[in-house]
N, C-alpha and C. Protein backbone atom coordinates (compact mmCIF):
# COMPACT_ATOMS: atom_id res chain seq x y z
N MET A 1 31.14 -22.41 -0.09
CA MET A 1 29.87 -22.64 -0.80
C MET A 1 28.90 -23.98 0.27
N ARG A 2 29.77 -25.08 0.79
CA ARG A 2 29.03 -26.03 1.60
C ARG A 2 28.77 -25.48 2.63
N THR A 3 29.22 -24.30 2.97
CA THR A 3 28.38 -23.37 4.36
C THR A 3 27.60 -22.82 4.26
N ILE A 4 27.08 -22.08 2.81
CA ILE A 4 26.13 -21.64 2.28
C ILE A 4 24.87 -23.02 2.61
N ILE A 5 25.29 -24.01 1.99
CA ILE A 5 24.17 -25.20 1.72
C ILE A 5 23.85 -25.72 2.83
N ALA A 6 25.00 -26.03 3.66
CA ALA A 6 24.61 -26.38 5.03
C ALA A 6 23.73 -25.58 5.87
N ALA A 7 24.14 -24.22 5.90
CA ALA A 7 22.91 -22.95 6.29
C ALA A 7 21.52 -22.99 5.80
N SER A 8 21.22 -23.14 4.64
CA SER A 8 20.37 -23.51 4.08
C SER A 8 19.37 -24.48 4.40
N VAL A 9 20.32 -25.91 4.52
CA VAL A 9 19.33 -26.92 4.56
C VAL A 9 18.93 -27.00 6.15
N THR A 10 19.66 -26.26 6.84
CA THR A 10 19.55 -26.42 8.50
C THR A 10 18.33 -24.95 8.64
N LEU A 11 18.32 -24.54 7.99
CA LEU A 11 16.99 -23.26 8.10
C LEU A 11 15.92 -23.96 7.32
N LEU A 12 15.92 -24.89 6.47
CA LEU A 12 14.86 -25.17 6.06
C LEU A 12 14.08 -26.90 6.66
N LEU A 13 15.09 -27.01 7.77
CA LEU A 13 14.47 -28.26 8.58
C LEU A 13 13.94 -27.68 9.53
N ALA A 14 14.47 -26.70 9.87
CA ALA A 14 13.93 -26.03 11.35
C ALA A 14 12.56 -25.16 11.06
N LEU A 15 12.28 -24.91 9.96
CA LEU A 15 10.91 -24.32 9.49
C LEU A 15 9.90 -25.47 9.59
N PRO A 16 8.62 -24.89 9.98
CA PRO A 16 7.39 -26.30 9.99
C PRO A 16 6.98 -26.25 8.60
N ALA A 17 6.53 -27.70 8.73
CA ALA A 17 6.37 -28.25 6.99
C ALA A 17 4.99 -27.80 6.60
N TRP A 18 4.75 -27.20 5.38
CA TRP A 18 3.24 -26.60 5.15
C TRP A 18 2.24 -27.28 5.53
N GLY A 19 1.20 -26.29 6.26
CA GLY A 19 0.11 -26.70 6.72
C GLY A 19 0.17 -26.92 8.22
N GLN A 20 1.45 -27.14 8.48
CA GLN A 20 1.56 -26.99 10.11
C GLN A 20 1.86 -25.68 10.34
N GLU A 21 1.03 -25.59 11.86
CA GLU A 21 1.41 -24.43 12.55
C GLU A 21 2.63 -24.40 13.22
N PRO A 22 3.41 -23.23 13.36
CA PRO A 22 5.02 -23.00 14.19
C PRO A 22 4.36 -23.70 15.75
N ALA A 23 5.74 -24.22 16.27
CA ALA A 23 5.49 -24.54 17.67
C ALA A 23 4.57 -23.26 18.54
N GLY A 24 3.79 -23.15 19.69
CA GLY A 24 3.46 -22.42 20.47
C GLY A 24 2.29 -21.70 19.78
N SER A 25 1.94 -22.12 18.53
CA SER A 25 0.65 -20.76 17.90
C SER A 25 -0.10 -21.53 17.79
N HIS A 26 -0.86 -22.35 19.24
CA HIS A 26 -1.97 -23.30 18.99
C HIS A 26 -2.93 -22.61 20.09
N ASP A 27 -2.81 -21.47 20.42
CA ASP A 27 -3.58 -20.87 21.19
C ASP A 27 -4.91 -20.55 20.14
N ALA A 28 -6.00 -20.72 20.11
CA ALA A 28 -7.48 -20.53 19.15
C ALA A 28 -7.55 -18.93 19.05
N GLY A 29 -7.18 -18.29 20.25
CA GLY A 29 -7.37 -16.94 19.94
C GLY A 29 -6.77 -16.04 19.12
N THR A 30 -5.34 -16.71 18.99
CA THR A 30 -4.46 -16.07 18.06
C THR A 30 -4.23 -16.49 16.25
N ARG A 31 -5.41 -17.32 16.15
CA ARG A 31 -5.34 -18.01 15.06
C ARG A 31 -6.35 -17.64 14.00
N ALA A 32 -6.13 -17.03 12.93
CA ALA A 32 -7.41 -16.75 12.06
C ALA A 32 -7.49 -17.55 11.06
N VAL A 33 -8.93 -17.95 10.98
CA VAL A 33 -9.11 -19.43 10.50
C VAL A 33 -10.39 -18.75 9.76
N ALA A 34 -9.85 -19.00 8.07
CA ALA A 34 -10.66 -18.34 7.02
C ALA A 34 -11.69 -19.66 6.85
N ARG A 35 -13.21 -18.94 6.28
CA ARG A 35 -14.06 -19.67 5.90
C ARG A 35 -14.05 -20.55 4.82
N THR A 36 -13.96 -21.96 4.47
CA THR A 36 -13.81 -22.39 3.11
C THR A 36 -14.99 -22.93 2.51
N SER A 37 -14.98 -23.47 1.13
CA SER A 37 -15.91 -23.53 0.75
C SER A 37 -16.66 -24.75 1.03
N GLU A 38 -15.71 -25.77 1.30
CA GLU A 38 -16.41 -27.16 1.65
C GLU A 38 -16.74 -26.95 2.77
N SER A 39 -16.58 -26.30 3.67
CA SER A 39 -17.10 -26.64 5.19
C SER A 39 -18.62 -26.53 5.18
N ALA A 40 -19.25 -27.36 5.95
CA ALA A 40 -20.66 -27.40 5.88
C ALA A 40 -20.74 -26.59 7.02
N ALA A 41 -20.22 -25.73 7.93
CA ALA A 41 -20.88 -24.99 9.13
C ALA A 41 -21.54 -23.72 8.57
N ASP A 42 -22.41 -23.33 9.79
CA ASP A 42 -23.49 -22.24 9.25
C ASP A 42 -22.97 -21.29 9.77
N PRO A 43 -22.57 -20.10 8.78
CA PRO A 43 -22.02 -19.21 9.22
C PRO A 43 -23.07 -18.10 10.06
N PHE A 44 -24.58 -18.65 10.44
CA PHE A 44 -25.05 -17.62 10.99
C PHE A 44 -25.28 -18.48 11.58
N ASP A 45 -24.74 -19.33 12.46
CA ASP A 45 -25.29 -20.35 13.99
C ASP A 45 -24.09 -19.63 14.89
N PRO A 46 -24.54 -18.78 15.69
CA PRO A 46 -23.61 -18.08 16.70
C PRO A 46 -23.20 -19.45 17.70
N THR A 47 -24.11 -20.31 18.06
CA THR A 47 -23.31 -21.49 19.18
C THR A 47 -22.34 -22.28 18.72
N GLU A 48 -22.33 -22.37 16.90
CA GLU A 48 -21.39 -23.24 16.11
C GLU A 48 -20.08 -22.83 16.33
N HIS A 49 -19.75 -21.37 16.36
CA HIS A 49 -18.40 -20.42 16.27
C HIS A 49 -18.18 -20.19 17.59
N ALA A 50 -18.97 -20.14 18.97
CA ALA A 50 -18.81 -19.46 20.10
C ALA A 50 -17.45 -19.94 20.73
N SER A 51 -17.00 -21.10 20.03
CA SER A 51 -15.76 -21.62 21.27
C SER A 51 -14.13 -21.23 20.51
N GLY A 52 -14.44 -20.59 19.16
CA GLY A 52 -13.47 -20.39 18.34
C GLY A 52 -12.53 -21.44 18.11
N THR A 53 -12.82 -22.64 17.86
CA THR A 53 -12.18 -23.51 17.35
C THR A 53 -12.53 -23.82 16.33
N SER A 54 -13.64 -23.47 15.81
CA SER A 54 -14.41 -24.24 14.56
C SER A 54 -13.27 -23.93 13.58
N GLY A 55 -13.03 -24.97 12.30
CA GLY A 55 -12.26 -24.72 11.02
C GLY A 55 -13.29 -23.86 10.02
N ALA A 56 -14.59 -23.52 10.35
CA ALA A 56 -15.12 -22.53 9.52
C ALA A 56 -15.50 -21.24 9.74
N THR A 57 -14.89 -20.55 10.52
CA THR A 57 -15.25 -19.40 10.80
C THR A 57 -15.16 -18.39 9.99
N LEU A 58 -15.69 -16.92 9.65
CA LEU A 58 -15.60 -16.30 9.04
C LEU A 58 -14.25 -15.17 9.64
N ASP A 59 -13.64 -14.36 8.55
CA ASP A 59 -12.73 -13.52 8.85
C ASP A 59 -13.43 -12.54 10.05
N ASP A 60 -14.29 -12.06 9.49
CA ASP A 60 -15.25 -11.23 10.50
C ASP A 60 -16.18 -11.08 10.45
N ASP A 61 -16.79 -12.15 11.21
CA ASP A 61 -18.56 -12.65 11.64
C ASP A 61 -19.36 -11.29 12.35
N GLY A 62 -18.85 -10.01 12.62
CA GLY A 62 -19.22 -9.35 13.52
C GLY A 62 -19.35 -9.42 14.90
N ARG A 63 -18.37 -10.20 15.40
CA ARG A 63 -18.59 -10.46 17.04
C ARG A 63 -18.04 -9.32 17.49
N GLY A 64 -18.94 -9.04 18.68
CA GLY A 64 -18.35 -7.96 19.36
C GLY A 64 -19.24 -6.66 19.15
N THR A 65 -20.51 -7.40 17.94
CA THR A 65 -21.73 -6.67 17.59
C THR A 65 -22.80 -7.19 17.94
N ASP A 66 -23.81 -6.63 17.55
CA ASP A 66 -25.32 -7.07 17.61
C ASP A 66 -25.83 -7.82 16.68
N TYR A 67 -24.79 -7.90 15.30
CA TYR A 67 -24.89 -8.63 14.09
C TYR A 67 -24.28 -9.94 13.69
N ILE A 68 -24.51 -10.82 12.83
CA ILE A 68 -23.59 -11.67 12.22
C ILE A 68 -24.01 -11.30 11.23
N VAL A 69 -22.74 -11.21 10.21
CA VAL A 69 -22.42 -11.04 8.83
C VAL A 69 -21.55 -11.60 8.47
N ASP A 70 -21.35 -11.63 6.78
CA ASP A 70 -20.33 -12.00 6.17
C ASP A 70 -20.11 -10.81 5.13
N LYS A 71 -19.32 -10.36 5.24
CA LYS A 71 -18.81 -8.76 4.50
C LYS A 71 -18.92 -9.28 3.15
N THR A 72 -19.10 -10.25 2.59
CA THR A 72 -19.18 -9.83 1.02
C THR A 72 -20.94 -10.23 0.61
N ASP A 73 -21.90 -10.05 1.70
CA ASP A 73 -22.88 -9.92 1.49
C ASP A 73 -23.43 -8.57 1.70
N ASN A 74 -22.74 -7.51 1.91
CA ASN A 74 -22.82 -6.16 1.64
C ASN A 74 -23.30 -5.88 0.72
N ILE A 75 -24.41 -4.94 0.12
CA ILE A 75 -24.73 -4.10 -1.14
C ILE A 75 -24.43 -3.40 -1.27
N CYS A 76 -24.81 -2.19 0.07
CA CYS A 76 -24.37 -1.05 0.29
C CYS A 76 -24.37 -0.16 1.35
N GLY A 77 -23.92 0.68 1.51
CA GLY A 77 -23.36 1.58 2.90
C GLY A 77 -22.58 0.74 3.98
N ILE A 78 -22.42 1.10 4.93
CA ILE A 78 -21.65 0.56 6.08
C ILE A 78 -21.24 -1.21 5.49
N ASP A 79 -20.00 -1.38 5.97
CA ASP A 79 -19.65 -2.78 5.81
C ASP A 79 -18.68 -3.31 6.90
N GLU A 80 -18.46 -2.40 7.38
CA GLU A 80 -17.62 -2.57 8.51
C GLU A 80 -18.55 -3.21 9.59
N PRO A 81 -18.85 -4.46 10.54
CA PRO A 81 -19.36 -4.86 11.42
C PRO A 81 -19.72 -4.16 12.66
N ARG A 82 -18.67 -3.78 13.11
CA ARG A 82 -18.45 -3.13 14.41
C ARG A 82 -19.32 -1.58 13.92
N ALA A 83 -19.61 -1.13 13.07
CA ALA A 83 -20.39 0.35 12.76
C ALA A 83 -21.35 0.02 12.26
N ILE A 84 -22.00 -0.92 12.26
CA ILE A 84 -23.64 -1.11 11.72
C ILE A 84 -24.68 -0.62 12.87
N SER A 85 -25.19 -0.15 12.71
CA SER A 85 -26.53 0.82 13.77
C SER A 85 -27.71 0.62 13.20
N ASN A 86 -27.92 0.37 11.88
CA ASN A 86 -29.78 0.48 11.62
C ASN A 86 -29.54 -0.12 10.08
N PRO A 87 -29.52 -1.67 10.22
CA PRO A 87 -29.19 -2.06 8.73
C PRO A 87 -30.75 -2.64 8.11
N ALA A 88 -30.55 -2.98 6.96
CA ALA A 88 -31.82 -3.55 6.31
C ALA A 88 -31.37 -4.71 5.32
N LYS A 89 -32.24 -5.61 4.96
CA LYS A 89 -31.80 -6.52 4.19
C LYS A 89 -32.70 -6.43 3.30
N VAL A 90 -31.88 -7.44 2.17
CA VAL A 90 -32.74 -7.55 0.51
C VAL A 90 -32.86 -8.93 0.23
N ASP A 91 -34.17 -9.64 -0.38
CA ASP A 91 -33.69 -10.74 -1.37
C ASP A 91 -33.25 -10.34 -2.67
N TYR A 92 -31.85 -10.56 -2.91
CA TYR A 92 -31.05 -10.24 -4.18
C TYR A 92 -31.49 -10.93 -4.96
N ASP A 93 -31.76 -12.23 -4.92
CA ASP A 93 -32.00 -12.96 -6.48
C ASP A 93 -33.64 -12.45 -6.55
N ALA A 94 -34.45 -12.18 -5.74
CA ALA A 94 -35.82 -11.81 -6.38
C ALA A 94 -35.72 -10.32 -6.83
N VAL A 95 -34.75 -9.63 -6.19
CA VAL A 95 -34.57 -8.12 -6.98
C VAL A 95 -33.75 -8.29 -8.33
N LEU A 96 -32.96 -8.83 -8.34
CA LEU A 96 -32.10 -9.11 -9.43
C LEU A 96 -33.46 -9.55 -11.21
N GLU A 97 -34.24 -10.68 -10.09
CA GLU A 97 -35.29 -11.20 -11.63
C GLU A 97 -36.09 -10.16 -11.81
N ALA A 98 -36.18 -8.87 -11.11
CA ALA A 98 -37.08 -8.06 -11.15
C ALA A 98 -37.14 -6.87 -12.36
N THR A 99 -35.61 -7.18 -12.50
CA THR A 99 -34.92 -6.29 -13.54
C THR A 99 -35.25 -6.35 -14.72
N LYS A 100 -35.40 -5.40 -16.04
CA LYS A 100 -35.78 -6.15 -17.31
C LYS A 100 -34.81 -6.67 -17.91
N GLU A 101 -33.28 -6.67 -17.31
CA GLU A 101 -32.38 -7.22 -17.95
C GLU A 101 -32.14 -8.40 -17.77
N VAL A 102 -32.45 -8.84 -16.46
CA VAL A 102 -32.39 -10.58 -16.14
C VAL A 102 -34.00 -11.26 -16.90
N LYS A 103 -34.84 -10.45 -16.63
CA LYS A 103 -36.11 -11.06 -17.70
C LYS A 103 -35.51 -11.38 -19.18
N LEU A 104 -34.98 -9.96 -19.88
CA LEU A 104 -34.77 -10.74 -21.25
C LEU A 104 -33.72 -11.50 -21.61
N LEU A 105 -32.73 -11.76 -20.34
CA LEU A 105 -31.87 -12.91 -20.18
C LEU A 105 -32.64 -14.10 -20.40
N ARG A 106 -33.91 -14.41 -19.28
CA ARG A 106 -34.37 -15.78 -18.83
C ARG A 106 -35.21 -15.89 -20.41
N ARG A 107 -35.91 -14.82 -20.97
CA ARG A 107 -37.13 -14.86 -22.16
C ARG A 107 -36.26 -15.32 -23.27
N ARG A 108 -35.22 -14.82 -23.71
CA ARG A 108 -34.45 -15.14 -24.53
C ARG A 108 -33.19 -16.17 -24.70
N ARG A 109 -33.36 -16.70 -22.99
CA ARG A 109 -32.73 -17.83 -23.18
C ARG A 109 -30.97 -17.61 -23.46
N ILE A 110 -30.73 -16.27 -22.89
CA ILE A 110 -29.17 -15.76 -23.02
C ILE A 110 -28.15 -16.65 -22.13
N ASP A 111 -27.37 -17.32 -22.64
CA ASP A 111 -26.10 -17.59 -21.57
C ASP A 111 -25.72 -16.71 -20.78
N PRO A 112 -25.74 -16.78 -19.48
CA PRO A 112 -25.16 -15.53 -18.51
C PRO A 112 -23.89 -15.52 -18.73
N GLU A 113 -23.14 -16.66 -19.53
CA GLU A 113 -21.80 -16.53 -19.22
C GLU A 113 -20.87 -15.86 -20.73
N SER A 114 -22.28 -15.71 -21.57
CA SER A 114 -21.89 -15.13 -23.00
C SER A 114 -21.45 -13.52 -22.79
N ALA A 115 -20.89 -13.14 -23.80
CA ALA A 115 -20.92 -11.48 -23.77
C ALA A 115 -21.83 -10.76 -23.80
N LYS A 116 -23.26 -11.12 -24.32
CA LYS A 116 -24.28 -10.32 -23.88
C LYS A 116 -24.76 -10.99 -22.67
N GLY A 117 -25.01 -11.85 -22.03
CA GLY A 117 -25.17 -12.32 -20.61
C GLY A 117 -24.65 -11.37 -20.00
N ILE A 118 -23.35 -11.61 -19.80
CA ILE A 118 -22.38 -10.75 -18.77
C ILE A 118 -22.79 -9.06 -19.10
N LYS A 119 -23.13 -8.47 -19.98
CA LYS A 119 -23.16 -7.00 -20.12
C LYS A 119 -24.57 -7.02 -19.62
N LEU A 120 -25.67 -7.82 -19.58
CA LEU A 120 -27.00 -7.70 -19.27
C LEU A 120 -27.02 -8.05 -17.61
N MET A 121 -26.44 -9.25 -17.14
CA MET A 121 -26.15 -9.14 -15.88
C MET A 121 -25.56 -7.87 -14.80
N THR A 122 -24.54 -7.55 -15.78
CA THR A 122 -23.80 -6.28 -15.23
C THR A 122 -24.70 -5.18 -15.03
N GLU A 123 -25.44 -4.99 -15.87
CA GLU A 123 -26.79 -3.68 -15.84
C GLU A 123 -27.69 -3.87 -15.07
N ALA A 124 -28.08 -5.08 -14.43
CA ALA A 124 -28.86 -5.60 -13.57
C ALA A 124 -28.36 -5.31 -12.33
N ARG A 125 -27.18 -5.77 -12.41
CA ARG A 125 -26.59 -5.49 -10.80
C ARG A 125 -26.52 -4.11 -10.38
N ARG A 126 -25.98 -3.32 -11.54
CA ARG A 126 -25.91 -1.90 -11.25
C ARG A 126 -27.07 -1.03 -10.98
N LYS A 127 -28.30 -1.74 -11.73
CA LYS A 127 -29.41 -1.05 -11.54
C LYS A 127 -29.88 -1.17 -10.11
N VAL A 128 -29.80 -2.95 -9.33
CA VAL A 128 -30.14 -2.70 -8.14
C VAL A 128 -29.21 -2.54 -7.05
N LEU A 129 -27.92 -2.16 -7.40
CA LEU A 129 -27.23 -1.18 -6.69
C LEU A 129 -28.08 0.26 -6.44
N ALA A 130 -28.24 0.91 -7.64
CA ALA A 130 -28.33 2.22 -7.42
C ALA A 130 -29.72 2.19 -6.67
N ALA A 131 -30.78 1.14 -7.10
CA ALA A 131 -32.04 1.42 -6.33
C ALA A 131 -32.00 0.82 -4.45
N CYS A 132 -31.08 -0.29 -4.30
CA CYS A 132 -30.50 -0.27 -2.83
C CYS A 132 -30.35 1.02 -2.24
N GLU A 133 -29.16 1.89 -3.10
CA GLU A 133 -28.75 3.03 -2.30
C GLU A 133 -29.50 3.79 -2.10
N ALA A 134 -30.34 4.21 -3.00
CA ALA A 134 -31.61 5.04 -3.01
C ALA A 134 -32.67 4.79 -1.63
N ILE A 135 -32.96 3.43 -1.43
CA ILE A 135 -33.97 3.10 -0.39
C ILE A 135 -33.32 3.24 0.80
N ARG A 136 -31.79 2.90 0.94
CA ARG A 136 -31.03 3.13 2.05
C ARG A 136 -30.92 4.65 2.73
N ALA A 137 -30.82 5.70 1.42
CA ALA A 137 -30.82 6.65 1.78
C ALA A 137 -32.27 7.25 2.30
N ASP A 138 -33.23 6.70 1.68
CA ASP A 138 -34.42 7.63 2.14
C ASP A 138 -34.96 7.01 3.35
N GLY A 139 -34.54 5.63 3.45
CA GLY A 139 -35.33 4.74 4.75
C GLY A 139 -34.41 5.33 6.30
N GLY A 140 -33.21 6.22 6.05
CA GLY A 140 -32.27 6.18 7.08
C GLY A 140 -31.60 4.78 7.56
N TYR A 141 -31.39 3.83 6.74
CA TYR A 141 -30.74 2.60 6.98
C TYR A 141 -28.80 3.07 6.74
N CYS A 142 -28.24 2.35 7.66
CA CYS A 142 -26.83 2.52 7.56
C CYS A 142 -26.46 1.75 6.22
N SER A 143 -27.00 0.47 6.02
CA SER A 143 -26.11 -0.26 4.93
C SER A 143 -27.62 -1.32 4.57
N ILE A 144 -27.31 -1.88 3.42
CA ILE A 144 -28.56 -3.08 2.70
C ILE A 144 -27.51 -4.36 2.47
N TRP A 145 -28.12 -5.25 3.13
CA TRP A 145 -27.49 -6.94 3.33
C TRP A 145 -28.06 -7.57 2.22
N LYS A 146 -27.37 -8.48 1.59
CA LYS A 146 -28.18 -9.55 1.32
C LYS A 146 -28.59 -10.77 2.12
N ALA A 147 -27.50 -11.10 3.52
CA ALA A 147 -28.10 -12.05 4.59
C ALA A 147 -27.19 -10.79 5.45
N ILE A 148 -28.01 -10.79 6.73
CA ILE A 148 -27.47 -10.46 8.14
C ILE A 148 -28.73 -10.75 8.89
N ARG A 149 -28.07 -10.92 10.37
CA ARG A 149 -28.97 -11.46 11.39
C ARG A 149 -28.43 -10.88 12.82
N ARG A 150 -29.37 -11.04 13.29
CA ARG A 150 -29.09 -10.33 14.90
C ARG A 150 -28.67 -11.22 15.78
N ARG A 151 -27.98 -11.13 16.67
CA ARG A 151 -27.87 -11.99 17.66
C ARG A 151 -28.65 -12.53 18.66
N ASP A 152 -29.57 -11.31 19.08
CA ASP A 152 -30.80 -11.52 19.76
C ASP A 152 -31.90 -12.25 19.41
N HIS A 153 -32.08 -12.23 17.50
CA HIS A 153 -32.76 -13.02 16.89
C HIS A 153 -33.75 -12.26 16.67
N THR A 154 -34.13 -10.58 16.83
CA THR A 154 -34.94 -9.54 16.62
C THR A 154 -34.97 -9.59 15.25
N PRO A 155 -36.09 -9.23 14.42
CA PRO A 155 -36.04 -8.85 12.86
C PRO A 155 -35.32 -7.74 12.50
N ILE A 156 -35.08 -7.90 11.48
CA ILE A 156 -34.06 -6.62 10.63
C ILE A 156 -35.02 -6.27 9.57
N ASP A 157 -35.35 -5.00 9.23
CA ASP A 157 -36.38 -4.73 8.00
C ASP A 157 -35.52 -5.49 6.67
N ASP A 158 -36.93 -5.76 6.14
CA ASP A 158 -36.76 -6.32 4.58
C ASP A 158 -37.26 -5.51 3.52
N VAL A 159 -36.58 -4.91 3.09
CA VAL A 159 -36.89 -3.73 2.05
C VAL A 159 -36.80 -4.23 0.20
N THR A 160 -36.92 -5.42 0.29
CA THR A 160 -37.07 -6.21 -0.94
C THR A 160 -38.13 -5.82 -1.77
N ALA A 161 -39.70 -5.53 -1.40
CA ALA A 161 -40.66 -4.88 -2.03
C ALA A 161 -40.42 -3.46 -2.57
N ARG A 162 -39.65 -2.77 -1.29
CA ARG A 162 -39.34 -1.14 -1.92
C ARG A 162 -38.17 -0.92 -2.73
N VAL A 163 -37.20 -2.35 -2.92
CA VAL A 163 -36.29 -1.94 -3.77
C VAL A 163 -37.16 -2.25 -5.26
N LYS A 164 -37.97 -3.47 -5.21
CA LYS A 164 -38.53 -3.72 -6.56
C LYS A 164 -39.33 -2.84 -6.79
N ALA A 165 -39.94 -2.06 -6.06
CA ALA A 165 -40.84 -0.61 -6.34
C ALA A 165 -39.84 0.47 -7.26
N LYS A 166 -38.91 0.81 -6.65
CA LYS A 166 -37.90 1.78 -7.07
C LYS A 166 -37.42 1.48 -8.22
N LEU A 167 -37.26 -0.03 -8.50
CA LEU A 167 -36.91 -0.59 -9.94
C LEU A 167 -37.71 -0.25 -10.85
N ALA A 168 -38.96 -0.81 -10.69
CA ALA A 168 -40.41 -0.60 -11.78
C ALA A 168 -40.40 1.23 -11.69
N GLU A 169 -40.47 1.99 -10.93
CA GLU A 169 -40.57 3.63 -11.01
C GLU A 169 -39.42 4.01 -11.98
N ASP A 170 -38.28 3.37 -12.12
CA ASP A 170 -36.85 3.84 -12.83
C ASP A 170 -37.16 3.18 -14.17
N GLU A 171 -37.89 2.32 -14.26
CA GLU A 171 -38.14 1.71 -15.62
C GLU A 171 -38.73 2.62 -16.57
N PRO A 172 -38.39 3.13 -17.89
CA PRO A 172 -38.88 3.63 -18.97
C PRO A 172 -39.92 2.78 -19.41
N GLU A 173 -41.04 3.17 -19.62
CA GLU A 173 -42.18 2.33 -20.28
C GLU A 173 -41.96 1.98 -21.81
């Protein structure tokens, strides 16, 4: 029994403390650092993350591609940064505000956290997704994003007006 306890203590002492990296893993190229909510770093600033040592890099910011993205900003279409060829972007908040569900939510002052509010917001998001998918397919885009930038700063098509028009035409009078 003492042998097992001694072996366990020796093993635990050999492990690095929580939050520390094991010896020999200080190479910035082998470390994956997740973006934290408290970081003030701009995920769209290519100069800030160029060294790979920033503590606020994204899991996959599209490095090696022409685009700077956060995968959580993808609405529809391709979400793998290396596969993006012809993306579009949309002002997601403005498009959500254009749905009748969000207008009803605001007009009646329904709490978005209530059961009715959650139902309305879910339906609004579903409609925005369907409209974005239709515009993506009609326009020949590979994907539509809430936020995406090119590294060379050339503009990306903004399809907000087209998505709003699609939402308006799909709404019954």
